[in-house]
Amino acid sequence: DLVLDEEAARALAGAPAFFGDGRVAVVIRPVTALD
């Protein structure tokens, strides 16, 4: 689960249609091998 701030939450209120099209990208840190 990712928590967004108040400003982002207001911009996404109302479930915009691009959610339905799967146009959501999450930037994550690169995977590192177990050391």
ModelCIF file with pLDDT and N, C-alpha, C, O atoms, coordinates in Angstrom:
data_MODEL
#
_entry.id   MODEL 
#
_entity.id                         1 
_entity.type                       polymer 
_entity.pdbx_number_of_molecules   1 
#
_entity_poly.entity_id                      1 
_entity_poly.type                           'polypeptide(L)' 
_entity_poly.nstd_linkage                   no 
_entity_poly.nstd_monomer                   no 
_entity_poly.pdbx_seq_one_letter_code       DLVLDEEAARALAGAPAFFGDGRVAVVIRPVTALD 
_entity_poly.pdbx_seq_one_letter_code_can   DLVLDEEAARALAGAPAFFGDGRVAVVIRPVTALD 
_entity_poly.pdbx_strand_id                 A 
#
loop_
_entity_poly_seq.entity_id 
_entity_poly_seq.num 
_entity_poly_seq.mon_id 
_entity_poly_seq.hetero 
1 1  ASP n 
1 2  LEU n 
1 3  VAL n 
1 4  LEU n 
1 5  ASP n 
1 6  GLU n 
1 7  GLU n 
1 8  ALA n 
1 9  ALA n 
1 10 ARG n 
1 11 ALA n 
1 12 LEU n 
1 13 ALA n 
1 14 GLY n 
1 15 ALA n 
1 16 PRO n 
1 17 ALA n 
1 18 PHE n 
1 19 PHE n 
1 20 GLY n 
1 21 ASP n 
1 22 GLY n 
1 23 ARG n 
1 24 VAL n 
1 25 ALA n 
1 26 VAL n 
1 27 VAL n 
1 28 ILE n 
1 29 ARG n 
1 30 PRO n 
1 31 VAL n 
1 32 THR n 
1 33 ALA n 
1 34 LEU n 
1 35 ASP n 
#
_struct_asym.id          A 
_struct_asym.entity_id   1 
#
loop_
_ma_qa_metric.id 
_ma_qa_metric.mode 
_ma_qa_metric.name 
_ma_qa_metric.software_group_id 
_ma_qa_metric.type 
1 global pLDDT . pLDDT 
2 local  pLDDT . pLDDT 
#
_ma_qa_metric_global.metric_id      1 
_ma_qa_metric_global.metric_value   90.03 
_ma_qa_metric_global.model_id       1 
_ma_qa_metric_global.ordinal_id     1 
#
loop_
_ma_qa_metric_local.label_asym_id 
_ma_qa_metric_local.label_comp_id 
_ma_qa_metric_local.label_seq_id 
_ma_qa_metric_local.metric_id 
_ma_qa_metric_local.metric_value 
_ma_qa_metric_local.model_id 
_ma_qa_metric_local.ordinal_id 
A ASP 1  2 90.00 1 1  
A LEU 2  2 93.00 1 2  
A VAL 3  2 92.00 1 3  
A LEU 4  2 94.00 1 4  
A ASP 5  2 91.00 1 5  
A GLU 6  2 93.00 1 6  
A GLU 7  2 94.00 1 7  
A ALA 8  2 94.00 1 8  
A ALA 9  2 94.00 1 9  
A ARG 10 2 93.00 1 10 
A ALA 11 2 93.00 1 11 
A LEU 12 2 95.00 1 12 
A ALA 13 2 90.00 1 13 
A GLY 14 2 90.00 1 14 
A ALA 15 2 93.00 1 15 
A PRO 16 2 95.00 1 16 
A ALA 17 2 95.00 1 17 
A PHE 18 2 95.00 1 18 
A PHE 19 2 95.00 1 19 
A GLY 20 2 94.00 1 20 
A ASP 21 2 93.00 1 21 
A GLY 22 2 92.00 1 22 
A ARG 23 2 95.00 1 23 
A VAL 24 2 96.00 1 24 
A ALA 25 2 95.00 1 25 
A VAL 26 2 95.00 1 26 
A VAL 27 2 94.00 1 27 
A ILE 28 2 92.00 1 28 
A ARG 29 2 85.00 1 29 
A PRO 30 2 79.00 1 30 
A VAL 31 2 73.00 1 31 
A THR 32 2 72.00 1 32 
A ALA 33 2 72.00 1 33 
A LEU 34 2 77.00 1 34 
A ASP 35 2 78.00 1 35 
#
loop_
_atom_site.group_PDB 
_atom_site.id 
_atom_site.type_symbol 
_atom_site.label_atom_id 
_atom_site.label_alt_id 
_atom_site.label_comp_id 
_atom_site.label_asym_id 
_atom_site.label_entity_id 
_atom_site.label_seq_id 
_atom_site.pdbx_PDB_ins_code 
_atom_site.Cartn_x 
_atom_site.Cartn_y 
_atom_site.Cartn_z 
_atom_site.occupancy 
_atom_site.B_iso_or_equiv 
_atom_site.pdbx_formal_charge 
_atom_site.auth_seq_id 
_atom_site.auth_comp_id 
_atom_site.auth_asym_id 
_atom_site.auth_atom_id 
_atom_site.pdbx_PDB_model_num 
ATOM 1   N N  . ASP A 1 1  ? 0.850   -1.189  0.000   1.00 90.00 ? 1  ASP A N  1 
ATOM 2   C CA . ASP A 1 1  ? 0.000   0.000   0.000   1.00 90.00 ? 1  ASP A CA 1 
ATOM 3   C C  . ASP A 1 1  ? 0.885   1.238   0.000   1.00 90.00 ? 1  ASP A C  1 
ATOM 4   O O  . ASP A 1 1  ? 1.841   1.321   0.771   1.00 90.00 ? 1  ASP A O  1 
ATOM 5   N N  . LEU A 1 2  ? 0.573   2.192   -0.854  1.00 93.00 ? 2  LEU A N  1 
ATOM 6   C CA . LEU A 1 2  ? 1.304   3.451   -0.890  1.00 93.00 ? 2  LEU A CA 1 
ATOM 7   C C  . LEU A 1 2  ? 0.394   4.587   -0.438  1.00 93.00 ? 2  LEU A C  1 
ATOM 8   O O  . LEU A 1 2  ? -0.746  4.699   -0.889  1.00 93.00 ? 2  LEU A O  1 
ATOM 9   N N  . VAL A 1 3  ? 0.908   5.423   0.454   1.00 92.00 ? 3  VAL A N  1 
ATOM 10  C CA . VAL A 1 3  ? 0.158   6.572   0.945   1.00 92.00 ? 3  VAL A CA 1 
ATOM 11  C C  . VAL A 1 3  ? 0.590   7.810   0.164   1.00 92.00 ? 3  VAL A C  1 
ATOM 12  O O  . VAL A 1 3  ? 1.782   8.102   0.064   1.00 92.00 ? 3  VAL A O  1 
ATOM 13  N N  . LEU A 1 4  ? -0.390  8.541   -0.395  1.00 94.00 ? 4  LEU A N  1 
ATOM 14  C CA . LEU A 1 4  ? -0.120  9.792   -1.102  1.00 94.00 ? 4  LEU A CA 1 
ATOM 15  C C  . LEU A 1 4  ? -0.501  10.969  -0.217  1.00 94.00 ? 4  LEU A C  1 
ATOM 16  O O  . LEU A 1 4  ? -1.302  10.816  0.706   1.00 94.00 ? 4  LEU A O  1 
ATOM 17  N N  . ASP A 1 5  ? 0.062   12.139  -0.487  1.00 91.00 ? 5  ASP A N  1 
ATOM 18  C CA . ASP A 1 5  ? -0.231  13.302  0.343   1.00 91.00 ? 5  ASP A CA 1 
ATOM 19  C C  . ASP A 1 5  ? -1.598  13.895  -0.002  1.00 91.00 ? 5  ASP A C  1 
ATOM 20  O O  . ASP A 1 5  ? -2.268  13.442  -0.930  1.00 91.00 ? 5  ASP A O  1 
ATOM 21  N N  . GLU A 1 6  ? -1.998  14.914  0.758   1.00 93.00 ? 6  GLU A N  1 
ATOM 22  C CA . GLU A 1 6  ? -3.324  15.511  0.603   1.00 93.00 ? 6  GLU A CA 1 
ATOM 23  C C  . GLU A 1 6  ? -3.530  16.100  -0.790  1.00 93.00 ? 6  GLU A C  1 
ATOM 24  O O  . GLU A 1 6  ? -4.602  15.952  -1.377  1.00 93.00 ? 6  GLU A O  1 
ATOM 25  N N  . GLU A 1 7  ? -2.514  16.760  -1.314  1.00 94.00 ? 7  GLU A N  1 
ATOM 26  C CA . GLU A 1 7  ? -2.648  17.390  -2.626  1.00 94.00 ? 7  GLU A CA 1 
ATOM 27  C C  . GLU A 1 7  ? -2.895  16.349  -3.714  1.00 94.00 ? 7  GLU A C  1 
ATOM 28  O O  . GLU A 1 7  ? -3.768  16.524  -4.564  1.00 94.00 ? 7  GLU A O  1 
ATOM 29  N N  . ALA A 1 8  ? -2.117  15.261  -3.680  1.00 94.00 ? 8  ALA A N  1 
ATOM 30  C CA . ALA A 1 8  ? -2.314  14.201  -4.670  1.00 94.00 ? 8  ALA A CA 1 
ATOM 31  C C  . ALA A 1 8  ? -3.672  13.540  -4.492  1.00 94.00 ? 8  ALA A C  1 
ATOM 32  O O  . ALA A 1 8  ? -4.323  13.188  -5.476  1.00 94.00 ? 8  ALA A O  1 
ATOM 33  N N  . ALA A 1 9  ? -4.108  13.367  -3.244  1.00 94.00 ? 9  ALA A N  1 
ATOM 34  C CA . ALA A 1 9  ? -5.406  12.748  -2.978  1.00 94.00 ? 9  ALA A CA 1 
ATOM 35  C C  . ALA A 1 9  ? -6.540  13.582  -3.553  1.00 94.00 ? 9  ALA A C  1 
ATOM 36  O O  . ALA A 1 9  ? -7.505  13.036  -4.088  1.00 94.00 ? 9  ALA A O  1 
ATOM 37  N N  . ARG A 1 10 ? -6.432  14.889  -3.446  1.00 93.00 ? 10 ARG A N  1 
ATOM 38  C CA . ARG A 1 10 ? -7.470  15.770  -4.021  1.00 93.00 ? 10 ARG A CA 1 
ATOM 39  C C  . ARG A 1 10 ? -7.497  15.653  -5.540  1.00 93.00 ? 10 ARG A C  1 
ATOM 40  O O  . ARG A 1 10 ? -8.570  15.642  -6.143  1.00 93.00 ? 10 ARG A O  1 
ATOM 41  N N  . ALA A 1 11 ? -6.318  15.564  -6.163  1.00 93.00 ? 11 ALA A N  1 
ATOM 42  C CA . ALA A 1 11 ? -6.250  15.475  -7.626  1.00 93.00 ? 11 ALA A CA 1 
ATOM 43  C C  . ALA A 1 11 ? -6.823  14.165  -8.145  1.00 93.00 ? 11 ALA A C  1 
ATOM 44  O O  . ALA A 1 11 ? -7.279  14.092  -9.286  1.00 93.00 ? 11 ALA A O  1 
ATOM 45  N N  . LEU A 1 12 ? -6.800  13.131  -7.309  1.00 95.00 ? 12 LEU A N  1 
ATOM 46  C CA . LEU A 1 12 ? -7.279  11.813  -7.732  1.00 95.00 ? 12 LEU A CA 1 
ATOM 47  C C  . LEU A 1 12 ? -8.675  11.491  -7.221  1.00 95.00 ? 12 LEU A C  1 
ATOM 48  O O  . LEU A 1 12 ? -9.196  10.403  -7.467  1.00 95.00 ? 12 LEU A O  1 
ATOM 49  N N  . ALA A 1 13 ? -9.274  12.426  -6.518  1.00 90.00 ? 13 ALA A N  1 
ATOM 50  C CA . ALA A 1 13 ? -10.631 12.209  -6.015  1.00 90.00 ? 13 ALA A CA 1 
ATOM 51  C C  . ALA A 1 13 ? -11.597 12.018  -7.182  1.00 90.00 ? 13 ALA A C  1 
ATOM 52  O O  . ALA A 1 13 ? -11.451 12.654  -8.226  1.00 90.00 ? 13 ALA A O  1 
ATOM 53  N N  . GLY A 1 14 ? -12.570 11.151  -7.004  1.00 90.00 ? 14 GLY A N  1 
ATOM 54  C CA . GLY A 1 14 ? -13.540 10.921  -8.067  1.00 90.00 ? 14 GLY A CA 1 
ATOM 55  C C  . GLY A 1 14 ? -13.165 9.802   -8.999  1.00 90.00 ? 14 GLY A C  1 
ATOM 56  O O  . GLY A 1 14 ? -13.861 9.570   -9.988  1.00 90.00 ? 14 GLY A O  1 
ATOM 57  N N  . ALA A 1 15 ? -12.062 9.084   -8.711  1.00 93.00 ? 15 ALA A N  1 
ATOM 58  C CA . ALA A 1 15 ? -11.659 7.933   -9.526  1.00 93.00 ? 15 ALA A CA 1 
ATOM 59  C C  . ALA A 1 15 ? -11.598 8.267   -11.009 1.00 93.00 ? 15 ALA A C  1 
ATOM 60  O O  . ALA A 1 15 ? -12.495 7.875   -11.755 1.00 93.00 ? 15 ALA A O  1 
ATOM 61  N N  . PRO A 1 16 ? -10.556 8.987   -11.466 1.00 95.00 ? 16 PRO A N  1 
ATOM 62  C CA . PRO A 1 16 ? -10.435 9.356   -12.876 1.00 95.00 ? 16 PRO A CA 1 
ATOM 63  C C  . PRO A 1 16 ? -10.417 8.150   -13.810 1.00 95.00 ? 16 PRO A C  1 
ATOM 64  O O  . PRO A 1 16 ? -9.991  7.056   -13.439 1.00 95.00 ? 16 PRO A O  1 
ATOM 65  N N  . ALA A 1 17 ? -10.888 8.381   -15.024 1.00 95.00 ? 17 ALA A N  1 
ATOM 66  C CA . ALA A 1 17 ? -11.066 7.289   -15.988 1.00 95.00 ? 17 ALA A CA 1 
ATOM 67  C C  . ALA A 1 17 ? -9.758  6.584   -16.345 1.00 95.00 ? 17 ALA A C  1 
ATOM 68  O O  . ALA A 1 17 ? -9.777  5.415   -16.733 1.00 95.00 ? 17 ALA A O  1 
ATOM 69  N N  . PHE A 1 18 ? -8.617  7.281   -16.220 1.00 95.00 ? 18 PHE A N  1 
ATOM 70  C CA . PHE A 1 18 ? -7.367  6.596   -16.585 1.00 95.00 ? 18 PHE A CA 1 
ATOM 71  C C  . PHE A 1 18 ? -7.052  5.454   -15.617 1.00 95.00 ? 18 PHE A C  1 
ATOM 72  O O  . PHE A 1 18 ? -6.258  4.575   -15.950 1.00 95.00 ? 18 PHE A O  1 
ATOM 73  N N  . PHE A 1 19 ? -7.652  5.450   -14.432 1.00 95.00 ? 19 PHE A N  1 
ATOM 74  C CA . PHE A 1 19 ? -7.540  4.281   -13.560 1.00 95.00 ? 19 PHE A CA 1 
ATOM 75  C C  . PHE A 1 19 ? -8.129  3.049   -14.243 1.00 95.00 ? 19 PHE A C  1 
ATOM 76  O O  . PHE A 1 19 ? -7.540  1.969   -14.223 1.00 95.00 ? 19 PHE A O  1 
ATOM 77  N N  . GLY A 1 20 ? -9.303  3.234   -14.847 1.00 94.00 ? 20 GLY A N  1 
ATOM 78  C CA . GLY A 1 20 ? -9.969  2.120   -15.512 1.00 94.00 ? 20 GLY A CA 1 
ATOM 79  C C  . GLY A 1 20 ? -9.180  1.560   -16.666 1.00 94.00 ? 20 GLY A C  1 
ATOM 80  O O  . GLY A 1 20 ? -9.330  0.387   -17.007 1.00 94.00 ? 20 GLY A O  1 
ATOM 81  N N  . ASP A 1 21 ? -8.331  2.384   -17.284 1.00 93.00 ? 21 ASP A N  1 
ATOM 82  C CA . ASP A 1 21 ? -7.498  1.939   -18.408 1.00 93.00 ? 21 ASP A CA 1 
ATOM 83  C C  . ASP A 1 21 ? -6.149  1.397   -17.956 1.00 93.00 ? 21 ASP A C  1 
ATOM 84  O O  . ASP A 1 21 ? -5.323  1.016   -18.786 1.00 93.00 ? 21 ASP A O  1 
ATOM 85  N N  . GLY A 1 22 ? -5.920  1.361   -16.640 1.00 92.00 ? 22 GLY A N  1 
ATOM 86  C CA . GLY A 1 22 ? -4.659  0.833   -16.133 1.00 92.00 ? 22 GLY A CA 1 
ATOM 87  C C  . GLY A 1 22 ? -3.468  1.716   -16.405 1.00 92.00 ? 22 GLY A C  1 
ATOM 88  O O  . GLY A 1 22 ? -2.343  1.228   -16.515 1.00 92.00 ? 22 GLY A O  1 
ATOM 89  N N  . ARG A 1 23 ? -3.702  3.027   -16.516 1.00 95.00 ? 23 ARG A N  1 
ATOM 90  C CA . ARG A 1 23 ? -2.588  3.943   -16.801 1.00 95.00 ? 23 ARG A CA 1 
ATOM 91  C C  . ARG A 1 23 ? -2.000  4.481   -15.498 1.00 95.00 ? 23 ARG A C  1 
ATOM 92  O O  . ARG A 1 23 ? -2.043  5.677   -15.211 1.00 95.00 ? 23 ARG A O  1 
ATOM 93  N N  . VAL A 1 24 ? -1.457  3.558   -14.734 1.00 96.00 ? 24 VAL A N  1 
ATOM 94  C CA . VAL A 1 24 ? -0.802  3.894   -13.466 1.00 96.00 ? 24 VAL A CA 1 
ATOM 95  C C  . VAL A 1 24 ? 0.573   3.238   -13.468 1.00 96.00 ? 24 VAL A C  1 
ATOM 96  O O  . VAL A 1 24 ? 0.692   2.032   -13.688 1.00 96.00 ? 24 VAL A O  1 
ATOM 97  N N  . ALA A 1 25 ? 1.605   4.030   -13.224 1.00 95.00 ? 25 ALA A N  1 
ATOM 98  C CA . ALA A 1 25 ? 2.975   3.516   -13.161 1.00 95.00 ? 25 ALA A CA 1 
ATOM 99  C C  . ALA A 1 25 ? 3.561   3.839   -11.797 1.00 95.00 ? 25 ALA A C  1 
ATOM 100 O O  . ALA A 1 25 ? 3.396   4.949   -11.289 1.00 95.00 ? 25 ALA A O  1 
ATOM 101 N N  . VAL A 1 26 ? 4.243   2.869   -11.206 1.00 95.00 ? 26 VAL A N  1 
ATOM 102 C CA . VAL A 1 26 ? 4.905   3.058   -9.913  1.00 95.00 ? 26 VAL A CA 1 
ATOM 103 C C  . VAL A 1 26 ? 6.405   2.907   -10.119 1.00 95.00 ? 26 VAL A C  1 
ATOM 104 O O  . VAL A 1 26 ? 6.878   1.890   -10.624 1.00 95.00 ? 26 VAL A O  1 
ATOM 105 N N  . VAL A 1 27 ? 7.145   3.941   -9.717  1.00 94.00 ? 27 VAL A N  1 
ATOM 106 C CA . VAL A 1 27 ? 8.603   3.914   -9.825  1.00 94.00 ? 27 VAL A CA 1 
ATOM 107 C C  . VAL A 1 27 ? 9.162   3.322   -8.541  1.00 94.00 ? 27 VAL A C  1 
ATOM 108 O O  . VAL A 1 27 ? 8.908   3.845   -7.456  1.00 94.00 ? 27 VAL A O  1 
ATOM 109 N N  . ILE A 1 28 ? 9.921   2.239   -8.651  1.00 92.00 ? 28 ILE A N  1 
ATOM 110 C CA . ILE A 1 28 ? 10.465  1.533   -7.492  1.00 92.00 ? 28 ILE A CA 1 
ATOM 111 C C  . ILE A 1 28 ? 11.983  1.502   -7.578  1.00 92.00 ? 28 ILE A C  1 
ATOM 112 O O  . ILE A 1 28 ? 12.566  1.674   -8.648  1.00 92.00 ? 28 ILE A O  1 
ATOM 113 N N  . ARG A 1 29 ? 12.610  1.281   -6.427  1.00 85.00 ? 29 ARG A N  1 
ATOM 114 C CA . ARG A 1 29 ? 14.068  1.203   -6.440  1.00 85.00 ? 29 ARG A CA 1 
ATOM 115 C C  . ARG A 1 29 ? 14.499  -0.085  -7.128  1.00 85.00 ? 29 ARG A C  1 
ATOM 116 O O  . ARG A 1 29 ? 13.796  -1.091  -7.039  1.00 85.00 ? 29 ARG A O  1 
ATOM 117 N N  . PRO A 1 30 ? 15.637  -0.074  -7.812  1.00 79.00 ? 30 PRO A N  1 
ATOM 118 C CA . PRO A 1 30 ? 16.089  -1.262  -8.534  1.00 79.00 ? 30 PRO A CA 1 
ATOM 119 C C  . PRO A 1 30 ? 16.231  -2.462  -7.606  1.00 79.00 ? 30 PRO A C  1 
ATOM 120 O O  . PRO A 1 30 ? 16.608  -2.323  -6.442  1.00 79.00 ? 30 PRO A O  1 
ATOM 121 N N  . VAL A 1 31 ? 15.926  -3.634  -8.134  1.00 73.00 ? 31 VAL A N  1 
ATOM 122 C CA . VAL A 1 31 ? 16.047  -4.858  -7.355  1.00 73.00 ? 31 VAL A CA 1 
ATOM 123 C C  . VAL A 1 31 ? 17.519  -5.168  -7.125  1.00 73.00 ? 31 VAL A C  1 
ATOM 124 O O  . VAL A 1 31 ? 18.320  -5.129  -8.059  1.00 73.00 ? 31 VAL A O  1 
ATOM 125 N N  . THR A 1 32 ? 17.874  -5.474  -5.881  1.00 72.00 ? 32 THR A N  1 
ATOM 126 C CA . THR A 1 32 ? 19.249  -5.835  -5.553  1.00 72.00 ? 32 THR A CA 1 
ATOM 127 C C  . THR A 1 32 ? 19.310  -7.303  -5.142  1.00 72.00 ? 32 THR A C  1 
ATOM 128 O O  . THR A 1 32 ? 18.391  -7.829  -4.513  1.00 72.00 ? 32 THR A O  1 
ATOM 129 N N  . ALA A 1 33 ? 20.403  -7.945  -5.509  1.00 72.00 ? 33 ALA A N  1 
ATOM 130 C CA . ALA A 1 33 ? 20.569  -9.356  -5.171  1.00 72.00 ? 33 ALA A CA 1 
ATOM 131 C C  . ALA A 1 33 ? 20.813  -9.518  -3.676  1.00 72.00 ? 33 ALA A C  1 
ATOM 132 O O  . ALA A 1 33 ? 21.402  -8.650  -3.032  1.00 72.00 ? 33 ALA A O  1 
ATOM 133 N N  . LEU A 1 34 ? 20.356  -10.633 -3.141  1.00 77.00 ? 34 LEU A N  1 
ATOM 134 C CA . LEU A 1 34 ? 20.600  -10.948 -1.741  1.00 77.00 ? 34 LEU A CA 1 
ATOM 135 C C  . LEU A 1 34 ? 22.102  -11.064 -1.525  1.00 77.00 ? 34 LEU A C  1 
ATOM 136 O O  . LEU A 1 34 ? 22.781  -11.782 -2.259  1.00 77.00 ? 34 LEU A O  1 
ATOM 137 N N  . ASP A 1 35 ? 22.630  -10.358 -0.513  1.00 78.00 ? 35 ASP A N  1 
ATOM 138 C CA . ASP A 1 35 ? 24.075  -10.279 -0.286  1.00 78.00 ? 35 ASP A CA 1 
ATOM 139 C C  . ASP A 1 35 ? 24.534  -11.401 0.640   1.00 78.00 ? 35 ASP A C  1 
ATOM 140 O O  . ASP A 1 35 ? 25.721  -11.500 0.949   1.00 78.00 ? 35 ASP A O  1 
#
